[in-house]
N, C-alpha and C. Protein backbone atom coordinates (compact mmCIF):
# COMPACT_ATOMS: atom_id res chain seq x y z
N HIS A 1 5.09 -2.02 -8.69
CA HIS A 1 5.74 -1.35 -9.31
C HIS A 1 6.11 -1.71 -10.87
N PRO A 2 5.93 -1.45 -12.41
CA PRO A 2 6.68 -2.21 -12.95
C PRO A 2 8.39 -1.93 -13.09
N HIS A 3 9.32 -2.77 -13.52
CA HIS A 3 10.40 -2.64 -13.41
C HIS A 3 11.44 -1.56 -13.75
N GLU A 4 10.98 -1.17 -14.98
CA GLU A 4 11.36 0.10 -15.60
C GLU A 4 10.76 1.58 -14.69
N SER A 5 10.05 1.36 -13.97
CA SER A 5 9.73 2.21 -12.70
C SER A 5 10.37 2.29 -11.33
N VAL A 6 10.96 1.25 -11.26
CA VAL A 6 11.30 0.99 -9.71
C VAL A 6 12.30 2.04 -9.05
N GLU A 7 13.46 2.32 -10.33
CA GLU A 7 14.25 3.27 -9.92
C GLU A 7 13.77 4.92 -9.43
N VAL A 8 12.71 5.42 -10.52
CA VAL A 8 11.93 6.17 -10.01
C VAL A 8 11.64 6.64 -8.48
N VAL A 9 10.67 5.40 -8.07
CA VAL A 9 9.76 5.28 -7.09
C VAL A 9 11.24 5.49 -5.60
N ASN A 10 12.11 4.57 -5.77
CA ASN A 10 12.97 4.74 -4.94
C ASN A 10 13.42 6.12 -4.96
N LYS A 11 13.95 6.69 -5.80
CA LYS A 11 14.75 8.14 -5.76
C LYS A 11 13.82 8.82 -5.00
N ILE A 12 12.66 9.05 -5.36
CA ILE A 12 11.06 9.67 -4.79
C ILE A 12 11.06 9.50 -3.36
N ILE A 13 11.54 8.08 -2.73
CA ILE A 13 11.45 7.55 -1.48
C ILE A 13 12.62 7.86 -0.73
N GLU A 14 13.59 8.02 -1.29
CA GLU A 14 14.61 8.68 -1.14
C GLU A 14 14.68 10.21 -0.63
N SER A 15 14.08 10.80 -1.75
CA SER A 15 14.06 12.28 -1.26
C SER A 15 13.19 12.68 -0.07
N PHE A 16 12.00 11.87 0.08
CA PHE A 16 11.12 12.43 1.32
C PHE A 16 12.40 11.78 2.25
N LYS A 17 12.55 10.83 2.29
CA LYS A 17 13.31 10.14 3.51
C LYS A 17 14.16 11.12 3.77
N LYS A 18 14.86 12.19 3.04
CA LYS A 18 15.94 12.77 3.30
C LYS A 18 15.32 14.33 3.81
N GLY A 19 14.07 14.42 3.80
CA GLY A 19 13.39 15.80 3.90
C GLY A 19 13.30 16.50 2.64
N GLU A 20 13.47 15.95 1.25
CA GLU A 20 13.65 17.34 0.71
C GLU A 20 12.91 17.47 -0.41
N LYS A 21 11.82 16.91 -0.43
CA LYS A 21 10.53 16.60 -0.74
C LYS A 21 9.63 16.04 -0.18
N ASN A 22 8.24 16.53 -0.26
CA ASN A 22 7.35 15.87 1.08
C ASN A 22 6.14 15.24 -0.25
N HIS A 23 5.77 15.49 -1.65
CA HIS A 23 5.08 15.14 -2.47
C HIS A 23 5.72 14.85 -3.86
N ALA A 24 5.10 14.17 -4.79
CA ALA A 24 5.68 13.87 -5.86
C ALA A 24 4.30 13.73 -6.75
N PHE A 25 4.26 14.19 -7.57
CA PHE A 25 2.76 14.36 -9.00
C PHE A 25 3.50 13.89 -10.24
N PHE A 26 2.84 13.29 -11.15
CA PHE A 26 3.18 12.54 -12.37
C PHE A 26 2.07 12.27 -13.13
N TRP A 27 1.80 12.16 -14.12
CA TRP A 27 0.54 11.78 -15.01
C TRP A 27 1.35 11.04 -16.17
N ILE A 28 0.60 9.60 -16.65
CA ILE A 28 0.89 8.87 -17.76
C ILE A 28 -0.31 8.44 -18.30
N PRO A 29 -0.36 7.83 -19.64
CA PRO A 29 -0.88 7.22 -20.78
C PRO A 29 -0.76 5.53 -20.18
N TYR A 30 -2.28 4.81 -19.79
CA TYR A 30 -2.13 3.28 -19.38
C TYR A 30 -2.55 2.96 -20.21
N LYS A 31 -3.07 2.23 -20.81
CA LYS A 31 -3.50 1.13 -21.93
C LYS A 31 -4.88 2.37 -22.09
N ASN A 32 -5.98 1.74 -21.91
CA ASN A 32 -7.17 3.08 -22.81
C ASN A 32 -7.55 4.18 -21.36
N LYS A 33 -6.33 4.44 -20.35
CA LYS A 33 -6.64 5.39 -19.25
C LYS A 33 -5.48 6.58 -19.50
N PHE A 34 -6.03 7.54 -18.68
CA PHE A 34 -4.86 8.85 -18.21
C PHE A 34 -5.06 8.56 -16.59
N LEU A 35 -3.83 8.14 -16.16
CA LEU A 35 -3.54 8.15 -14.59
C LEU A 35 -3.00 9.08 -14.03
N PHE A 36 -3.30 10.12 -12.99
CA PHE A 36 -2.27 10.51 -12.51
C PHE A 36 -2.32 10.08 -10.89
N ILE A 37 -0.84 10.07 -10.69
CA ILE A 37 -0.39 9.24 -10.01
C ILE A 37 0.47 10.74 -8.71
N GLN A 38 -0.14 10.11 -7.55
CA GLN A 38 0.25 11.13 -6.30
C GLN A 38 0.95 10.37 -5.12
N TYR A 39 2.09 10.78 -4.94
CA TYR A 39 3.30 10.27 -3.69
C TYR A 39 3.23 11.45 -2.56
N TYR A 40 3.04 11.15 -1.68
CA TYR A 40 3.03 11.81 -0.61
C TYR A 40 3.69 11.00 0.66
N ALA A 41 4.69 11.94 1.40
CA ALA A 41 5.39 11.70 2.51
C ALA A 41 4.31 11.72 3.56
N VAL A 42 4.47 10.35 4.57
CA VAL A 42 4.16 10.69 5.75
C VAL A 42 5.07 10.82 7.01
N VAL A 43 4.84 12.20 7.80
CA VAL A 43 5.76 12.28 8.36
C VAL A 43 4.98 12.14 10.06
N ASN A 44 6.01 12.08 11.11
CA ASN A 44 5.16 11.99 12.51
C ASN A 44 5.41 13.29 12.99
N GLU A 45 4.80 14.17 14.29
CA GLU A 45 4.91 15.16 14.33
C GLU A 45 6.10 16.30 14.76
N LYS A 46 7.55 15.02 14.83
CA LYS A 46 8.57 15.59 14.94
C LYS A 46 8.97 16.27 13.39
N GLY A 47 8.26 15.64 12.46
CA GLY A 47 8.80 15.70 10.87
C GLY A 47 9.47 14.40 10.42
N GLU A 48 9.44 13.71 11.71
CA GLU A 48 10.41 12.09 10.75
C GLU A 48 9.67 11.34 9.74
N TYR A 49 10.13 11.09 8.76
CA TYR A 49 9.66 10.31 7.84
C TYR A 49 9.06 8.56 8.34
N LYS A 50 8.09 8.69 8.14
CA LYS A 50 7.30 7.54 8.43
C LYS A 50 6.82 5.79 7.38
N GLY A 51 6.68 6.72 6.50
CA GLY A 51 6.48 6.59 5.53
C GLY A 51 5.63 7.20 4.05
N ILE A 52 5.07 6.20 3.11
CA ILE A 52 4.46 6.84 2.04
C ILE A 52 3.10 6.30 1.45
N VAL A 53 2.36 7.75 0.87
CA VAL A 53 0.89 7.03 0.47
C VAL A 53 0.77 7.61 -0.77
N GLU A 54 0.32 6.55 -2.02
CA GLU A 54 0.21 6.81 -3.06
C GLU A 54 -0.94 6.73 -3.49
N VAL A 55 -1.58 7.46 -4.25
CA VAL A 55 -3.02 7.79 -4.80
C VAL A 55 -2.60 7.95 -6.30
N THR A 56 -3.60 6.55 -6.97
CA THR A 56 -3.52 6.65 -8.05
C THR A 56 -4.87 6.93 -8.92
N GLN A 57 -5.15 8.02 -9.36
CA GLN A 57 -6.99 8.05 -10.21
C GLN A 57 -6.78 8.37 -11.93
N ASP A 58 -7.25 7.63 -12.37
CA ASP A 58 -7.95 7.69 -13.57
C ASP A 58 -8.69 8.95 -13.81
N ILE A 59 -8.05 10.32 -14.68
CA ILE A 59 -8.88 11.19 -15.52
C ILE A 59 -9.27 11.80 -16.44
N SER A 60 -9.01 10.40 -17.06
CA SER A 60 -9.44 9.99 -18.61
C SER A 60 -11.26 10.72 -18.23
N GLU A 61 -12.14 10.74 -17.62
CA GLU A 61 -13.39 11.68 -17.58
C GLU A 61 -13.26 12.82 -16.98
N ILE A 62 -12.55 13.36 -16.35
CA ILE A 62 -12.01 14.94 -15.82
C ILE A 62 -11.59 15.50 -16.83
N GLN A 63 -10.64 14.95 -18.00
CA GLN A 63 -10.26 15.39 -19.06
C GLN A 63 -11.41 16.14 -20.20
N LYS A 64 -12.25 15.38 -19.75
CA LYS A 64 -13.18 15.78 -21.04
C LYS A 64 -14.46 16.66 -20.67
N ILE A 65 -14.00 17.56 -19.14
CA ILE A 65 -14.89 18.12 -18.81
C ILE A 65 -14.73 19.61 -19.47
N THR A 66 -15.86 19.92 -19.69
CA THR A 66 -16.05 21.88 -20.18
C THR A 66 -17.35 22.44 -19.91
N GLY A 67 -17.25 23.28 -20.12
CA GLY A 67 -18.44 24.31 -19.32
C GLY A 67 -18.57 24.61 -17.61
N VAL A 68 -19.75 24.66 -16.96
CA VAL A 68 -19.66 25.21 -15.90
C VAL A 68 -20.54 24.23 -15.20
N LYS A 69 -20.56 23.78 -14.03
CA LYS A 69 -21.15 22.58 -13.34
C LYS A 69 -21.34 22.85 -11.80
N ARG A 70 -22.19 23.45 -11.68
CA ARG A 70 -22.61 24.33 -10.22
C ARG A 70 -22.92 23.14 -8.90
N LEU A 71 -22.63 23.39 -7.78
CA LEU A 71 -23.02 22.56 -6.79
C LEU A 71 -24.68 22.42 -6.77
N LEU A 72 -25.01 21.08 -6.57
CA LEU A 72 -26.16 20.42 -6.41
C LEU A 72 -26.84 20.50 -7.67
N ASP A 73 -26.02 20.63 -9.03
CA ASP A 73 -26.32 20.98 -10.33
C ASP A 73 -26.51 19.20 -10.84
N TRP A 74 -27.54 18.30 -10.38
CA TRP A 74 -27.21 16.92 -10.27
C TRP A 74 -27.87 17.00 -11.74
């Protein structure tokens, strides 16, 4: 992670470890993209924190969607 975001990421992880939150979402412009970033707490069957999953998706094309597109409307 960029140096300027490490403190925020650490706060998210601490919140997950304490059981205060189980997900965090945010979005940012990055270079010529628009990123949707999702963090999910991974817990065991007892609810104990085991780790984190980070999902980053470029949603630039999604933001351009208009109208309706039906399933199998290829």
